[in-house]
Amino acid sequence: MTLNGITLEWKDPSDLPSMCCQCPFFFSGSTYVPGVPSPPSDMGICNLRNMNKKRWADCPQACLRLFKKVFNYPEDAALVVVLKDD
C-alpha cells in the first residue's frame, strides 16, 4: 500500500504506530538527515498533517482512523491524502 508516496508495510492492525516517532511520516532532527550526527530532539514535523509534533506524543485519532482505512484497500492501491485549507 502506498500513502502519499510512502510505502506502508503494515500487515496487521497491531503494526500501526502508537506514537508519532513510530510513524513513517514523522521527521525529527535525528531522522531527517541519515548518517549525519545531530543531537536528539523531542520535536519533529509530521509530514502527513504538516504540523510540529513531539516525538513521544500519542498518535492522533485522525491519523489512526486514516491508517485503519488502509487495511480496507487492495495491496497494490495508492492513496493520496489532501488536506483541506479553511
PDB file of N, CA and C in Angstrom:
ATOM      1  N   MET A   1       0.846  -1.174   0.000  1.00  0.00           N
ATOM      2  CA  MET A   1       0.000   0.000   0.000  1.00  0.00           C
ATOM      3  C   MET A   1       0.892   1.238   0.000  1.00  0.00           C
ATOM      4  N   THR A   2       0.556   2.198  -0.810  1.00  0.00           N
ATOM      5  CA  THR A   2       1.292   3.462  -0.869  1.00  0.00           C
ATOM      6  C   THR A   2       0.365   4.582  -0.421  1.00  0.00           C
ATOM      7  N   LEU A   3       0.818   5.378   0.514  1.00  0.00           N
ATOM      8  CA  LEU A   3       0.050   6.514   1.023  1.00  0.00           C
ATOM      9  C   LEU A   3       0.923   7.750   0.898  1.00  0.00           C
ATOM     10  N   ASN A   4       0.505   8.694   0.067  1.00  0.00           N
ATOM     11  CA  ASN A   4       1.266   9.918  -0.199  1.00  0.00           C
ATOM     12  C   ASN A   4       2.712   9.619  -0.598  1.00  0.00           C
ATOM     13  N   GLY A   5       2.904   8.589  -1.377  1.00  0.00           N
ATOM     14  CA  GLY A   5       4.225   8.262  -1.891  1.00  0.00           C
ATOM     15  C   GLY A   5       5.090   7.434  -0.963  1.00  0.00           C
ATOM     16  N   ILE A   6       4.622   7.120   0.232  1.00  0.00           N
ATOM     17  CA  ILE A   6       5.388   6.303   1.179  1.00  0.00           C
ATOM     18  C   ILE A   6       4.748   4.920   1.235  1.00  0.00           C
ATOM     19  N   THR A   7       5.554   3.896   1.030  1.00  0.00           N
ATOM     20  CA  THR A   7       5.048   2.528   1.053  1.00  0.00           C
ATOM     21  C   THR A   7       4.867   2.072   2.493  1.00  0.00           C
ATOM     22  N   LEU A   8       3.668   1.624   2.802  1.00  0.00           N
ATOM     23  CA  LEU A   8       3.346   1.129   4.144  1.00  0.00           C
ATOM     24  C   LEU A   8       3.329  -0.388   4.095  1.00  0.00           C
ATOM     25  N   GLU A   9       4.061  -1.004   4.982  1.00  0.00           N
ATOM     26  CA  GLU A   9       4.123  -2.458   5.005  1.00  0.00           C
ATOM     27  C   GLU A   9       3.509  -3.010   6.283  1.00  0.00           C
ATOM     28  N   TRP A  10       2.383  -2.441   6.658  1.00  0.00           N
ATOM     29  CA  TRP A  10       1.682  -2.909   7.840  1.00  0.00           C
ATOM     30  C   TRP A  10       0.825  -4.088   7.429  1.00  0.00           C
ATOM     31  N   LYS A  11       1.044  -5.221   8.057  1.00  0.00           N
ATOM     32  CA  LYS A  11       0.297  -6.429   7.722  1.00  0.00           C
ATOM     33  C   LYS A  11      -0.838  -6.699   8.707  1.00  0.00           C
ATOM     34  N   ASP A  12      -0.759  -6.083   9.868  1.00  0.00           N
ATOM     35  CA  ASP A  12      -1.697  -6.376  10.942  1.00  0.00           C
ATOM     36  C   ASP A  12      -2.023  -5.060  11.659  1.00  0.00           C
ATOM     37  N   PRO A  13      -3.234  -4.883  12.173  1.00  0.00           N
ATOM     38  CA  PRO A  13      -3.550  -3.654  12.907  1.00  0.00           C
ATOM     39  C   PRO A  13      -2.622  -3.395  14.097  1.00  0.00           C
ATOM     40  N   SER A  14      -1.974  -4.425  14.626  1.00  0.00           N
ATOM     41  CA  SER A  14      -1.041  -4.199  15.741  1.00  0.00           C
ATOM     42  C   SER A  14       0.250  -3.538  15.265  1.00  0.00           C
ATOM     43  N   ASP A  15       0.488  -3.470  13.955  1.00  0.00           N
ATOM     44  CA  ASP A  15       1.662  -2.794  13.406  1.00  0.00           C
ATOM     45  C   ASP A  15       1.487  -1.283  13.339  1.00  0.00           C
ATOM     46  N   LEU A  16       0.273  -0.789  13.563  1.00  0.00           N
ATOM     47  CA  LEU A  16       0.027   0.644  13.481  1.00  0.00           C
ATOM     48  C   LEU A  16       0.828   1.396  14.539  1.00  0.00           C
ATOM     49  N   PRO A  17       1.317   2.604  14.218  1.00  0.00           N
ATOM     50  CA  PRO A  17       2.093   3.356  15.204  1.00  0.00           C
ATOM     51  C   PRO A  17       1.228   3.810  16.375  1.00  0.00           C
ATOM     52  N   SER A  18       1.804   3.746  17.565  1.00  0.00           N
ATOM     53  CA  SER A  18       1.089   4.243  18.742  1.00  0.00           C
ATOM     54  C   SER A  18       1.636   5.605  19.174  1.00  0.00           C
ATOM     55  N   MET A  19       2.816   5.946  18.688  1.00  0.00           N
ATOM     56  CA  MET A  19       3.433   7.247  18.978  1.00  0.00           C
ATOM     57  C   MET A  19       3.889   7.873  17.665  1.00  0.00           C
ATOM     58  N   CYS A  20       4.019   9.179  17.655  1.00  0.00           N
ATOM     59  CA  CYS A  20       4.412   9.877  16.433  1.00  0.00           C
ATOM     60  C   CYS A  20       5.782   9.421  15.924  1.00  0.00           C
ATOM     61  N   CYS A  21       6.704   9.096  16.822  1.00  0.00           N
ATOM     62  CA  CYS A  21       8.049   8.715  16.393  1.00  0.00           C
ATOM     63  C   CYS A  21       8.057   7.372  15.662  1.00  0.00           C
ATOM     64  N   GLN A  22       7.003   6.579  15.764  1.00  0.00           N
ATOM     65  CA  GLN A  22       6.916   5.305  15.065  1.00  0.00           C
ATOM     66  C   GLN A  22       6.286   5.447  13.685  1.00  0.00           C
ATOM     67  N   CYS A  23       5.779   6.608  13.374  1.00  0.00           N
ATOM     68  CA  CYS A  23       5.073   6.849  12.124  1.00  0.00           C
ATOM     69  C   CYS A  23       6.072   7.145  11.000  1.00  0.00           C
ATOM     70  N   PRO A  24       5.859   6.591   9.800  1.00  0.00           N
ATOM     71  CA  PRO A  24       6.780   6.861   8.694  1.00  0.00           C
ATOM     72  C   PRO A  24       6.700   8.291   8.173  1.00  0.00           C
ATOM     73  N   PHE A  25       5.693   9.054   8.587  1.00  0.00           N
ATOM     74  CA  PHE A  25       5.543  10.433   8.148  1.00  0.00           C
ATOM     75  C   PHE A  25       6.166  11.438   9.115  1.00  0.00           C
ATOM     76  N   PHE A  26       6.776  10.953  10.203  1.00  0.00           N
ATOM     77  CA  PHE A  26       7.368  11.825  11.220  1.00  0.00           C
ATOM     78  C   PHE A  26       8.856  11.986  10.955  1.00  0.00           C
ATOM     79  N   PHE A  27       9.320  13.220  10.898  1.00  0.00           N
ATOM     80  CA  PHE A  27      10.733  13.517  10.711  1.00  0.00           C
ATOM     81  C   PHE A  27      11.210  14.420  11.837  1.00  0.00           C
ATOM     82  N   SER A  28      12.298  14.000  12.496  1.00  0.00           N
ATOM     83  CA  SER A  28      12.886  14.830  13.546  1.00  0.00           C
ATOM     84  C   SER A  28      14.315  15.167  13.151  1.00  0.00           C
ATOM     85  N   GLY A  29      15.006  15.887  14.001  1.00  0.00           N
ATOM     86  CA  GLY A  29      16.388  16.265  13.700  1.00  0.00           C
ATOM     87  C   GLY A  29      17.296  15.071  13.500  1.00  0.00           C
ATOM     88  N   SER A  30      17.019  13.973  14.182  1.00  0.00           N
ATOM     89  CA  SER A  30      17.882  12.807  14.066  1.00  0.00           C
ATOM     90  C   SER A  30      17.451  11.857  12.948  1.00  0.00           C
ATOM     91  N   THR A  31      16.252  12.024  12.399  1.00  0.00           N
ATOM     92  CA  THR A  31      15.810  11.130  11.329  1.00  0.00           C
ATOM     93  C   THR A  31      15.785  11.804   9.970  1.00  0.00           C
ATOM     94  N   TYR A  32      15.854  13.122   9.937  1.00  0.00           N
ATOM     95  CA  TYR A  32      15.713  13.832   8.667  1.00  0.00           C
ATOM     96  C   TYR A  32      16.929  13.652   7.765  1.00  0.00           C
ATOM     97  N   VAL A  33      18.136  13.682   8.331  1.00  0.00           N
ATOM     98  CA  VAL A  33      19.357  13.519   7.544  1.00  0.00           C
ATOM     99  C   VAL A  33      20.088  12.276   8.039  1.00  0.00           C
ATOM    100  N   PRO A  34      19.863  11.128   7.419  1.00  0.00           N
ATOM    101  CA  PRO A  34      20.509   9.907   7.886  1.00  0.00           C
ATOM    102  C   PRO A  34      22.021   9.975   7.723  1.00  0.00           C
ATOM    103  N   GLY A  35      22.737   9.453   8.710  1.00  0.00           N
ATOM    104  CA  GLY A  35      24.192   9.404   8.642  1.00  0.00           C
ATOM    105  C   GLY A  35      24.877  10.654   9.143  1.00  0.00           C
ATOM    106  N   VAL A  36      24.151  11.718   9.378  1.00  0.00           N
ATOM    107  CA  VAL A  36      24.742  12.960   9.879  1.00  0.00           C
ATOM    108  C   VAL A  36      24.412  13.055  11.357  1.00  0.00           C
ATOM    109  N   PRO A  37      25.444  13.078  12.226  1.00  0.00           N
ATOM    110  CA  PRO A  37      25.160  13.143  13.660  1.00  0.00           C
ATOM    111  C   PRO A  37      24.463  14.444  14.037  1.00  0.00           C
ATOM    112  N   SER A  38      23.435  14.327  14.806  1.00  0.00           N
ATOM    113  CA  SER A  38      22.725  15.501  15.297  1.00  0.00           C
ATOM    114  C   SER A  38      22.207  15.191  16.692  1.00  0.00           C
ATOM    115  N   PRO A  39      22.046  16.216  17.512  1.00  0.00           N
ATOM    116  CA  PRO A  39      21.547  15.958  18.866  1.00  0.00           C
ATOM    117  C   PRO A  39      20.112  15.454  18.819  1.00  0.00           C
ATOM    118  N   PRO A  40      19.768  14.530  19.699  1.00  0.00           N
ATOM    119  CA  PRO A  40      18.386  14.050  19.712  1.00  0.00           C
ATOM    120  C   PRO A  40      17.425  15.188  20.022  1.00  0.00           C
ATOM    121  N   SER A  41      16.322  15.173  19.368  1.00  0.00           N
ATOM    122  CA  SER A  41      15.342  16.234  19.531  1.00  0.00           C
ATOM    123  C   SER A  41      14.010  15.633  19.941  1.00  0.00           C
ATOM    124  N   ASP A  42      13.281  16.351  20.784  1.00  0.00           N
ATOM    125  CA  ASP A  42      11.949  15.901  21.175  1.00  0.00           C
ATOM    126  C   ASP A  42      10.889  16.351  20.185  1.00  0.00           C
ATOM    127  N   MET A  43      11.239  17.288  19.313  1.00  0.00           N
ATOM    128  CA  MET A  43      10.279  17.828  18.355  1.00  0.00           C
ATOM    129  C   MET A  43      10.584  17.321  16.954  1.00  0.00           C
ATOM    130  N   GLY A  44       9.556  17.262  16.152  1.00  0.00           N
ATOM    131  CA  GLY A  44       9.703  16.870  14.763  1.00  0.00           C
ATOM    132  C   GLY A  44       8.542  17.411  13.958  1.00  0.00           C
ATOM    133  N   ILE A  45       8.515  17.051  12.692  1.00  0.00           N
ATOM    134  CA  ILE A  45       7.474  17.519  11.801  1.00  0.00           C
ATOM    135  C   ILE A  45       6.688  16.329  11.284  1.00  0.00           C
ATOM    136  N   CYS A  46       5.381  16.432  11.358  1.00  0.00           N
ATOM    137  CA  CYS A  46       4.501  15.425  10.782  1.00  0.00           C
ATOM    138  C   CYS A  46       4.284  15.812   9.323  1.00  0.00           C
ATOM    139  N   ASN A  47       4.847  15.019   8.424  1.00  0.00           N
ATOM    140  CA  ASN A  47       4.757  15.301   7.003  1.00  0.00           C
ATOM    141  C   ASN A  47       3.360  15.040   6.455  1.00  0.00           C
ATOM    142  N   LEU A  48       2.581  14.242   7.133  1.00  0.00           N
ATOM    143  CA  LEU A  48       1.227  13.929   6.693  1.00  0.00           C
ATOM    144  C   LEU A  48       0.263  15.071   7.007  1.00  0.00           C
ATOM    145  N   ARG A  49       0.396  15.645   8.204  1.00  0.00           N
ATOM    146  CA  ARG A  49      -0.529  16.693   8.649  1.00  0.00           C
ATOM    147  C   ARG A  49       0.110  18.076   8.647  1.00  0.00           C
ATOM    148  N   ASN A  50       1.405  18.150   8.297  1.00  0.00           N
ATOM    149  CA  ASN A  50       2.132  19.417   8.184  1.00  0.00           C
ATOM    150  C   ASN A  50       2.063  20.232   9.482  1.00  0.00           C
ATOM    151  N   MET A  51       2.481  19.589  10.576  1.00  0.00           N
ATOM    152  CA  MET A  51       2.471  20.281  11.859  1.00  0.00           C
ATOM    153  C   MET A  51       3.621  19.786  12.731  1.00  0.00           C
ATOM    154  N   ASN A  52       4.046  20.618  13.675  1.00  0.00           N
ATOM    155  CA  ASN A  52       5.080  20.227  14.623  1.00  0.00           C
ATOM    156  C   ASN A  52       4.472  19.305  15.675  1.00  0.00           C
ATOM    157  N   LYS A  53       5.207  18.249  15.974  1.00  0.00           N
ATOM    158  CA  LYS A  53       4.730  17.287  16.958  1.00  0.00           C
ATOM    159  C   LYS A  53       5.878  16.885  17.866  1.00  0.00           C
ATOM    160  N   LYS A  54       5.542  16.478  19.089  1.00  0.00           N
ATOM    161  CA  LYS A  54       6.547  15.895  19.971  1.00  0.00           C
ATOM    162  C   LYS A  54       6.749  14.443  19.605  1.00  0.00           C
ATOM    163  N   ARG A  55       7.981  14.006  19.727  1.00  0.00           N
ATOM    164  CA  ARG A  55       8.360  12.644  19.339  1.00  0.00           C
ATOM    165  C   ARG A  55       7.534  11.587  20.067  1.00  0.00           C
ATOM    166  N   TRP A  56       7.329  11.752  21.362  1.00  0.00           N
ATOM    167  CA  TRP A  56       6.660  10.720  22.162  1.00  0.00           C
ATOM    168  C   TRP A  56       5.167  10.981  22.332  1.00  0.00           C
ATOM    169  N   ALA A  57       4.607  11.881  21.539  1.00  0.00           N
ATOM    170  CA  ALA A  57       3.168  12.152  21.626  1.00  0.00           C
ATOM    171  C   ALA A  57       2.388  10.950  21.094  1.00  0.00           C
ATOM    172  N   ASP A  58       1.225  10.721  21.681  1.00  0.00           N
ATOM    173  CA  ASP A  58       0.362   9.657  21.166  1.00  0.00           C
ATOM    174  C   ASP A  58      -0.063   9.998  19.745  1.00  0.00           C
ATOM    175  N   CYS A  59      -0.205   8.977  18.945  1.00  0.00           N
ATOM    176  CA  CYS A  59      -0.635   9.158  17.556  1.00  0.00           C
ATOM    177  C   CYS A  59      -2.057   9.741  17.559  1.00  0.00           C
ATOM    178  N   PRO A  60      -2.306  10.855  16.859  1.00  0.00           N
ATOM    179  CA  PRO A  60      -3.646  11.452  16.871  1.00  0.00           C
ATOM    180  C   PRO A  60      -4.705  10.494  16.324  1.00  0.00           C
ATOM    181  N   GLN A  61      -5.912  10.633  16.827  1.00  0.00           N
ATOM    182  CA  GLN A  61      -7.008   9.764  16.406  1.00  0.00           C
ATOM    183  C   GLN A  61      -7.290   9.897  14.908  1.00  0.00           C
ATOM    184  N   ALA A  62      -7.120  11.103  14.351  1.00  0.00           N
ATOM    185  CA  ALA A  62      -7.350  11.290  12.914  1.00  0.00           C
ATOM    186  C   ALA A  62      -6.374  10.446  12.106  1.00  0.00           C
ATOM    187  N   CYS A  63      -5.125  10.367  12.555  1.00  0.00           N
ATOM    188  CA  CYS A  63      -4.131   9.543  11.870  1.00  0.00           C
ATOM    189  C   CYS A  63      -4.475   8.067  12.005  1.00  0.00           C
ATOM    190  N   LEU A  64      -4.855   7.653  13.205  1.00  0.00           N
ATOM    191  CA  LEU A  64      -5.188   6.241  13.412  1.00  0.00           C
ATOM    192  C   LEU A  64      -6.387   5.813  12.569  1.00  0.00           C
ATOM    193  N   ARG A  65      -7.392   6.698  12.447  1.00  0.00           N
ATOM    194  CA  ARG A  65      -8.551   6.368  11.604  1.00  0.00           C
ATOM    195  C   ARG A  65      -8.117   6.207  10.149  1.00  0.00           C
ATOM    196  N   LEU A  66      -7.234   7.093   9.688  1.00  0.00           N
ATOM    197  CA  LEU A  66      -6.744   7.004   8.317  1.00  0.00           C
ATOM    198  C   LEU A  66      -5.944   5.724   8.107  1.00  0.00           C
ATOM    199  N   PHE A  67      -5.067   5.402   9.057  1.00  0.00           N
ATOM    200  CA  PHE A  67      -4.237   4.206   8.923  1.00  0.00           C
ATOM    201  C   PHE A  67      -5.083   2.933   8.943  1.00  0.00           C
ATOM    202  N   LYS A  68      -6.174   2.936   9.743  1.00  0.00           N
ATOM    203  CA  LYS A  68      -7.040   1.754   9.789  1.00  0.00           C
ATOM    204  C   LYS A  68      -7.775   1.550   8.472  1.00  0.00           C
ATOM    205  N   LYS A  69      -8.048   2.656   7.748  1.00  0.00           N
ATOM    206  CA  LYS A  69      -8.698   2.549   6.447  1.00  0.00           C
ATOM    207  C   LYS A  69      -7.781   1.894   5.422  1.00  0.00           C
ATOM    208  N   VAL A  70      -6.478   1.982   5.650  1.00  0.00           N
ATOM    209  CA  VAL A  70      -5.515   1.392   4.728  1.00  0.00           C
ATOM    210  C   VAL A  70      -5.771  -0.103   4.558  1.00  0.00           C
ATOM    211  N   PHE A  71      -6.204  -0.770   5.603  1.00  0.00           N
ATOM    212  CA  PHE A  71      -6.413  -2.214   5.561  1.00  0.00           C
ATOM    213  C   PHE A  71      -7.605  -2.613   4.687  1.00  0.00           C
ATOM    214  N   ASN A  72      -8.484  -1.665   4.343  1.00  0.00           N
ATOM    215  CA  ASN A  72      -9.649  -1.979   3.520  1.00  0.00           C
ATOM    216  C   ASN A  72      -9.372  -1.872   2.030  1.00  0.00           C
ATOM    217  N   TYR A  73      -8.188  -1.401   1.658  1.00  0.00           N
ATOM    218  CA  TYR A  73      -7.862  -1.216   0.249  1.00  0.00           C
ATOM    219  C   TYR A  73      -7.005  -2.369  -0.259  1.00  0.00           C
ATOM    220  N   PRO A  74      -7.040  -2.630  -1.575  1.00  0.00           N
ATOM    221  CA  PRO A  74      -6.207  -3.703  -2.135  1.00  0.00           C
ATOM    222  C   PRO A  74      -4.725  -3.435  -1.922  1.00  0.00           C
ATOM    223  N   GLU A  75      -3.936  -4.485  -1.982  1.00  0.00           N
ATOM    224  CA  GLU A  75      -2.489  -4.408  -1.713  1.00  0.00           C
ATOM    225  C   GLU A  75      -1.768  -3.445  -2.649  1.00  0.00           C
ATOM    226  N   ASP A  76      -2.195  -3.373  -3.912  1.00  0.00           N
ATOM    227  CA  ASP A  76      -1.476  -2.548  -4.888  1.00  0.00           C
ATOM    228  C   ASP A  76      -2.083  -1.150  -5.047  1.00  0.00           C
ATOM    229  N   ALA A  77      -2.958  -0.741  -4.140  1.00  0.00           N
ATOM    230  CA  ALA A  77      -3.597   0.572  -4.240  1.00  0.00           C
ATOM    231  C   ALA A  77      -2.640   1.675  -3.816  1.00  0.00           C
ATOM    232  N   ALA A  78      -2.861   2.864  -4.370  1.00  0.00           N
ATOM    233  CA  ALA A  78      -2.079   4.047  -3.997  1.00  0.00           C
ATOM    234  C   ALA A  78      -3.059   5.132  -3.559  1.00  0.00           C
ATOM    235  N   LEU A  79      -2.932   5.595  -2.327  1.00  0.00           N
ATOM    236  CA  LEU A  79      -3.821   6.618  -1.785  1.00  0.00           C
ATOM    237  C   LEU A  79      -3.077   7.937  -1.678  1.00  0.00           C
ATOM    238  N   VAL A  80      -3.814   9.033  -1.873  1.00  0.00           N
ATOM    239  CA  VAL A  80      -3.248  10.369  -1.719  1.00  0.00           C
ATOM    240  C   VAL A  80      -4.152  11.122  -0.759  1.00  0.00           C
ATOM    241  N   VAL A  81      -3.553  11.685   0.293  1.00  0.00           N
ATOM    242  CA  VAL A  81      -4.309  12.465   1.277  1.00  0.00           C
ATOM    243  C   VAL A  81      -4.204  13.924   0.901  1.00  0.00           C
ATOM    244  N   VAL A  82      -5.343  14.599   0.811  1.00  0.00           N
ATOM    245  CA  VAL A  82      -5.384  16.014   0.500  1.00  0.00           C
ATOM    246  C   VAL A  82      -5.937  16.729   1.722  1.00  0.00           C
ATOM    247  N   LEU A  83      -5.179  17.666   2.264  1.00  0.00           N
ATOM    248  CA  LEU A  83      -5.631  18.422   3.426  1.00  0.00           C
ATOM    249  C   LEU A  83      -6.442  19.625   2.963  1.00  0.00           C
ATOM    250  N   LYS A  84      -7.571  19.827   3.583  1.00  0.00           N
ATOM    251  CA  LYS A  84      -8.462  20.928   3.229  1.00  0.00           C
ATOM    252  C   LYS A  84      -8.009  22.194   3.936  1.00  0.00           C
ATOM    253  N   ASP A  85      -7.825  23.250   3.186  1.00  0.00           N
ATOM    254  CA  ASP A  85      -7.455  24.538   3.758  1.00  0.00           C
ATOM    255  C   ASP A  85      -8.716  25.330   4.061  1.00  0.00           C
ATOM    256  N   ASP A  86      -8.839  25.803   5.301  1.00  0.00           N
ATOM    257  CA  ASP A  86     -10.053  26.563   5.666  1.00  0.00           C
ATOM    258  C   ASP A  86      -9.900  28.009   5.312  1.00  0.00           C
TER     259      ASP A  86
END
